[in-house]
Protein backbone atom coordinates (compact mmCIF):
# COMPACT_ATOMS: atom_id res chain seq x y z
CA MET A 1 156.96 88.96 -68.98
CA THR A 2 153.93 86.88 -69.54
CA GLN A 3 151.94 88.82 -66.74
CA LYS A 4 152.94 92.18 -68.53
CA ILE A 5 151.50 90.99 -71.81
CA LEU A 6 148.29 89.65 -70.18
CA ASN A 7 147.98 93.17 -68.39
CA LEU A 8 148.48 94.97 -71.57
CA TYR A 9 145.97 92.71 -73.31
CA GLY A 10 143.43 93.42 -70.54
CA TYR A 11 144.00 97.24 -70.82
CA PHE A 12 143.36 97.14 -74.55
CA LYS A 13 140.41 94.82 -73.99
CA LYS A 14 138.79 97.35 -71.48
CA ILE A 15 139.31 100.16 -74.10
CA LEU A 16 137.89 98.21 -77.01
CA ASN A 17 134.89 97.13 -75.00
CA LYS A 18 134.17 100.92 -74.19
CA LEU A 19 134.50 101.73 -77.90
CA THR A 20 132.24 98.83 -79.14
CA PRO A 21 128.93 100.82 -79.01
CA PHE A 22 130.55 103.64 -80.84
CA THR A 23 131.83 101.30 -83.73
CA ILE A 24 128.36 99.77 -84.08
CA ILE A 25 126.72 103.25 -84.21
CA LEU A 26 129.29 104.35 -86.84
CA ALA A 27 128.68 101.06 -88.75
CA ARG A 28 124.93 101.49 -88.41
CA ILE A 29 124.92 105.08 -89.68
CA SER A 30 127.35 104.49 -92.47
CA THR A 31 125.63 101.55 -93.80
CA GLY A 32 122.23 103.25 -93.53
CA TRP A 33 123.60 106.14 -95.58
CA VAL A 34 124.69 103.81 -98.33
CA PHE A 35 121.35 101.88 -98.44
CA ALA A 36 119.23 105.10 -98.34
CA SER A 37 121.24 106.65 -101.09
CA SER A 38 121.16 103.39 -103.41
CA GLY A 39 117.42 102.97 -102.60
CA TRP A 40 116.83 106.58 -103.58
CA GLY A 41 118.57 106.14 -106.75
CA LYS A 42 116.83 103.20 -107.64
CA LEU A 43 113.52 104.91 -107.01
CA GLN A 44 114.64 107.66 -109.41
CA SER A 45 115.24 105.19 -112.26
CA LEU A 46 112.79 102.26 -111.64
CA GLU A 47 112.34 101.31 -115.29
CA ASN A 48 115.98 100.71 -115.33
CA ILE A 49 116.09 98.58 -112.21
CA ILE A 50 113.12 96.56 -113.62
CA ASN A 51 115.04 95.83 -116.68
CA TYR A 52 118.03 94.89 -114.79
CA PHE A 53 116.27 92.59 -112.54
CA ASN A 54 114.46 91.03 -115.66
CA HIS A 55 118.05 90.76 -117.10
CA LEU A 56 119.20 88.79 -114.07
CA GLY A 57 116.31 86.55 -114.37
CA ILE A 58 114.69 87.74 -111.05
CA PRO A 59 110.98 86.88 -111.09
CA PHE A 60 108.31 89.34 -110.78
CA ALA A 61 110.81 92.15 -111.57
CA GLU A 62 107.98 94.64 -111.89
CA PHE A 63 107.04 93.98 -108.39
CA GLN A 64 110.44 93.25 -106.80
CA ALA A 65 112.29 96.14 -108.06
CA PRO A 66 110.10 98.88 -106.57
CA MET A 67 109.99 96.71 -103.31
CA VAL A 68 113.73 96.48 -103.01
CA ALA A 69 114.22 100.16 -103.85
CA MET A 70 111.68 101.19 -101.22
CA LEU A 71 113.13 98.58 -98.70
CA GLU A 72 116.76 100.07 -99.27
CA PHE A 73 115.54 103.71 -99.02
CA ILE A 74 113.45 103.22 -96.01
CA GLY A 75 115.69 100.63 -94.33
CA GLY A 76 118.83 102.84 -94.79
CA ILE A 77 116.83 105.71 -93.10
CA ALA A 78 115.62 103.41 -90.19
CA LEU A 79 119.32 102.25 -89.70
CA ILE A 80 120.47 105.90 -89.58
CA LEU A 81 117.73 106.58 -86.92
CA GLY A 82 118.21 103.24 -85.16
CA LEU A 83 114.70 102.30 -85.61
CA GLY A 84 113.83 98.69 -86.18
CA THR A 85 117.40 98.12 -86.50
CA ARG A 86 117.46 94.49 -86.16
CA ILE A 87 114.66 93.66 -88.55
CA PHE A 88 115.62 96.12 -91.26
CA SER A 89 119.25 94.87 -91.16
CA LEU A 90 118.04 91.27 -91.72
CA PHE A 91 115.81 92.42 -94.71
CA LEU A 92 118.68 94.29 -96.11
CA ALA A 93 121.14 91.40 -95.66
CA GLY A 94 118.51 89.31 -97.45
CA ILE A 95 118.90 91.84 -100.44
CA MET A 96 122.58 91.52 -100.27
CA ALA A 97 122.43 87.72 -100.40
CA VAL A 98 120.04 87.86 -103.41
CA ALA A 99 122.61 90.25 -105.06
CA LEU A 100 125.49 87.85 -104.50
CA MET A 101 123.51 85.06 -105.83
CA THR A 102 122.33 86.93 -109.06
CA ALA A 103 124.25 90.02 -110.06
CA HIS A 104 127.57 88.66 -108.78
CA ALA A 105 127.02 84.96 -109.42
CA GLU A 106 129.46 84.98 -112.24
CA ASP A 107 132.10 86.94 -110.19
CA ILE A 108 132.14 84.18 -107.41
CA GLY A 109 133.77 80.84 -108.25
CA SER A 110 135.10 80.13 -104.88
CA PHE A 111 134.70 81.18 -101.34
CA THR A 112 137.64 83.58 -101.49
CA ASP A 113 136.05 85.38 -104.24
CA LEU A 114 133.35 86.59 -101.89
CA PHE A 115 135.95 88.92 -100.34
CA LYS A 116 136.20 90.94 -103.62
CA VAL A 117 132.46 91.64 -103.86
CA TYR A 118 131.55 94.55 -101.76
CA GLU A 119 127.90 93.33 -101.23
CA TYR A 120 129.51 90.61 -99.04
CA GLY A 121 130.96 93.03 -96.92
CA TYR A 122 127.71 94.87 -96.58
CA LEU A 123 126.03 91.44 -95.84
CA LEU A 124 128.50 90.94 -92.84
CA MET A 125 128.02 94.38 -91.64
CA LEU A 126 124.16 93.89 -91.69
CA LEU A 127 124.56 90.82 -89.79
CA ILE A 128 126.92 92.24 -87.25
CA ILE A 129 124.37 95.24 -86.73
CA ALA A 130 121.44 92.78 -86.56
CA SER A 131 123.18 90.68 -83.96
CA THR A 132 124.18 93.55 -81.65
CA GLY A 133 121.28 96.04 -82.20
CA ALA A 134 121.39 99.73 -82.51
CA LYS A 135 122.95 100.54 -79.19
CA PHE A 136 122.44 104.08 -77.51
CA LEU A 137 121.88 107.06 -79.75
CA SER A 138 119.11 105.27 -81.43
CA LEU A 139 115.19 105.30 -81.53
CA ASP A 140 115.41 101.74 -80.64
CA TYR A 141 117.35 102.50 -77.43
CA LEU A 142 115.05 105.32 -76.49
CA MET A 143 111.80 103.09 -76.88
CA GLN A 144 113.49 100.16 -74.99
CA LYS A 145 114.44 102.51 -72.22
CA SER A 146 111.07 104.12 -71.98
CA LEU A 147 109.47 100.82 -71.77
CA LYS A 148 111.41 99.86 -68.60
């Protein structure tokens, strides 16, 4: 009985290992789409974003709001294309960390409250993408392959 369970586990592990690159690609493209869309929206209403950043007490809002909007837009597109994936993932994760500490500070009273805030999910997703890289079907992969 134990051997059958181990064999079944080994079988599923092989399947999941083969699916891992595809799940990372799907996560990268989906997350990239969210950030590109969000950044584009922020770029279309920068004055509102600057006011919101000021309301949150973020210093130099007139500088940071356009920077965040551009980083989300360009970083999102880069994730979709798989270009500079690890770097852009870390920058975008930083934006999510700041969002958690500012826009959602009042919503988070305990560690478990983090699970209710979608920015925490994006933060984790971005850290996973940063740690794994873009995988194949990306410009990062093509450039790395051409350098060998």
